C-alpha atoms as a PDB file:
ATOM      1  CA  MET A   1      37.443 -71.953 130.270  1.00  0.00           C
ATOM      2  CA  VAL A   2      35.065 -73.602 127.857  1.00  0.00           C
ATOM      3  CA  ASP A   3      31.809 -72.608 126.190  1.00  0.00           C
ATOM      4  CA  ASP A   4      29.789 -75.643 127.253  1.00  0.00           C
ATOM      5  CA  LYS A   5      29.868 -74.807 130.994  1.00  0.00           C
ATOM      6  CA  SER A   6      28.543 -71.711 132.687  1.00  0.00           C
ATOM      7  CA  ILE A   7      31.064 -69.004 133.463  1.00  0.00           C
ATOM      8  CA  THR A   8      29.835 -68.918 137.053  1.00  0.00           C
ATOM      9  CA  GLU A   9      30.559 -72.615 137.518  1.00  0.00           C
ATOM     10  CA  GLN A  10      34.011 -72.267 135.979  1.00  0.00           C
ATOM     11  CA  VAL A  11      34.873 -69.251 138.115  1.00  0.00           C
ATOM     12  CA  GLN A  12      33.821 -71.190 141.214  1.00  0.00           C
ATOM     13  CA  GLU A  13      36.209 -73.973 140.198  1.00  0.00           C
ATOM     14  CA  PHE A  14      38.974 -71.397 139.696  1.00  0.00           C
ATOM     15  CA  GLN A  15      38.255 -69.899 143.118  1.00  0.00           C
ATOM     16  CA  HIS A  16      38.412 -73.355 144.678  1.00  0.00           C
ATOM     17  CA  ILE A  17      41.924 -73.752 143.260  1.00  0.00           C
ATOM     18  CA  ALA A  18      42.864 -70.276 144.498  1.00  0.00           C
ATOM     19  CA  ASN A  19      41.592 -71.166 147.965  1.00  0.00           C
ATOM     20  CA  LYS A  20      43.775 -74.275 147.991  1.00  0.00           C
ATOM     21  CA  ILE A  21      46.751 -72.088 147.105  1.00  0.00           C
ATOM     22  CA  ALA A  22      45.871 -69.680 149.912  1.00  0.00           C
ATOM     23  CA  ILE A  23      45.643 -72.558 152.396  1.00  0.00           C
ATOM     24  CA  SER A  24      49.190 -73.445 151.375  1.00  0.00           C
ATOM     25  CA  GLU A  25      50.132 -69.977 152.664  1.00  0.00           C
ATOM     26  CA  ILE A  26      50.984 -68.671 149.224  1.00  0.00           C
ATOM     27  CA  ASP A  27      49.750 -65.099 148.898  1.00  0.00           C
ATOM     28  CA  LEU A  28      47.675 -64.545 145.764  1.00  0.00           C
ATOM     29  CA  ASP A  29      47.310 -60.898 144.802  1.00  0.00           C
ATOM     30  CA  GLU A  30      43.681 -59.995 144.037  1.00  0.00           C
ATOM     31  CA  ASN A  31      44.649 -58.312 140.743  1.00  0.00           C
ATOM     32  CA  PHE A  32      46.445 -61.522 139.718  1.00  0.00           C
ATOM     33  CA  HIS A  33      43.376 -63.553 140.670  1.00  0.00           C
ATOM     34  CA  VAL A  34      41.060 -61.263 138.659  1.00  0.00           C
ATOM     35  CA  GLY A  35      43.470 -61.239 135.717  1.00  0.00           C
ATOM     36  CA  GLY A  36      43.648 -65.021 135.735  1.00  0.00           C
ATOM     37  CA  ILE A  37      39.880 -65.317 135.527  1.00  0.00           C
ATOM     38  CA  VAL A  38      39.602 -62.708 132.772  1.00  0.00           C
ATOM     39  CA  SER A  39      42.402 -64.235 130.702  1.00  0.00           C
ATOM     40  CA  LYS A  40      40.757 -67.673 130.746  1.00  0.00           C
ATOM     41  CA  HIS A  41      37.384 -66.645 129.303  1.00  0.00           C
ATOM     42  CA  PRO A  42      36.053 -69.020 126.629  1.00  0.00           C
ATOM     43  CA  PRO A  43      36.247 -68.084 122.930  1.00  0.00           C
ATOM     44  CA  SER A  44      32.610 -66.942 122.797  1.00  0.00           C
ATOM     45  CA  TRP A  45      33.438 -64.276 125.392  1.00  0.00           C
ATOM     46  CA  LYS A  46      36.249 -62.746 123.289  1.00  0.00           C
ATOM     47  CA  GLU A  47      34.652 -59.300 122.969  1.00  0.00           C
ATOM     48  CA  TYR A  48      33.735 -59.122 126.640  1.00  0.00           C
ATOM     49  CA  LYS A  49      37.209 -60.280 127.660  1.00  0.00           C
ATOM     50  CA  SER A  50      38.727 -57.530 125.523  1.00  0.00           C
ATOM     51  CA  LYS A  51      36.406 -54.983 127.138  1.00  0.00           C
ATOM     52  CA  LEU A  52      37.494 -56.063 130.630  1.00  0.00           C
ATOM     53  CA  LEU A  53      41.181 -56.025 129.728  1.00  0.00           C
ATOM     54  CA  HIS A  54      40.932 -52.438 128.475  1.00  0.00           C
ATOM     55  CA  LYS A  55      39.183 -51.044 131.548  1.00  0.00           C
ATOM     56  CA  LYS A  56      41.136 -48.221 133.122  1.00  0.00           C
ATOM     57  CA  GLU A  57      40.288 -49.106 136.703  1.00  0.00           C
ATOM     58  CA  ASP A  58      41.079 -52.376 138.410  1.00  0.00           C
ATOM     59  CA  LEU A  59      38.158 -54.596 139.345  1.00  0.00           C
ATOM     60  CA  THR A  60      37.943 -56.346 142.661  1.00  0.00           C
ATOM     61  CA  LEU A  61      37.130 -60.033 142.599  1.00  0.00           C
ATOM     62  CA  GLU A  62      33.637 -59.268 143.889  1.00  0.00           C
ATOM     63  CA  GLN A  63      33.050 -56.676 141.156  1.00  0.00           C
ATOM     64  CA  LEU A  64      34.305 -59.099 138.503  1.00  0.00           C
ATOM     65  CA  LEU A  65      31.952 -61.814 139.707  1.00  0.00           C
ATOM     66  CA  GLN A  66      29.015 -59.385 139.554  1.00  0.00           C
ATOM     67  CA  HIS A  67      29.994 -58.313 136.024  1.00  0.00           C
ATOM     68  CA  LEU A  68      30.327 -61.923 134.882  1.00  0.00           C
ATOM     69  CA  GLN A  69      26.990 -62.952 136.315  1.00  0.00           C
ATOM     70  CA  ILE A  70      25.225 -60.048 134.605  1.00  0.00           C
ATOM     71  CA  GLU A  71      26.989 -60.697 131.283  1.00  0.00           C
ATOM     72  CA  GLN A  72      26.191 -64.403 131.470  1.00  0.00           C
ATOM     73  CA  GLU A  73      22.496 -63.630 132.007  1.00  0.00           C
ATOM     74  CA  ILE A  74      22.538 -61.233 129.046  1.00  0.00           C
ATOM     75  CA  GLN A  75      24.204 -63.813 126.796  1.00  0.00           C
ATOM     76  CA  TYR A  76      21.757 -66.550 127.815  1.00  0.00           C
ATOM     77  CA  ARG A  77      18.811 -64.232 127.212  1.00  0.00           C
ATOM     78  CA  ASP A  78      20.165 -63.097 123.836  1.00  0.00           C
ATOM     79  CA  ASN A  79      20.875 -66.682 122.742  1.00  0.00           C
ATOM     80  CA  ASN A  80      17.405 -67.819 123.764  1.00  0.00           C
ATOM     81  CA  ILE A  81      15.794 -64.946 121.872  1.00  0.00           C
ATOM     82  CA  LEU A  82      17.791 -65.898 118.765  1.00  0.00           C
ATOM     83  CA  LYS A  83      16.735 -69.560 119.071  1.00  0.00           C
ATOM     84  CA  GLU A  84      12.993 -68.887 119.465  1.00  0.00           C
ATOM     85  CA  PRO A  85      10.949 -69.571 116.334  1.00  0.00           C
ATOM     86  CA  PRO A  86       9.537 -66.500 114.543  1.00  0.00           C
END
């Protein structure tokens, strides 16, 4: 993943690829799918990626997507606050 595209957009692209794999009748384990998304976070998400990797419980794909959307909104808000003139 890269920093200049939204995480949501990149995850959707990843899911599109996963759907193509599923259509080919190759079974993709949900934990593998979630792990693939987490492991490909862009460099600016390093701390958040580390936090997700150290969680004790497994996340479902739906839970991961909710977490990512919330975190993305927080990062956008924080970055916009930092960029506003004093």
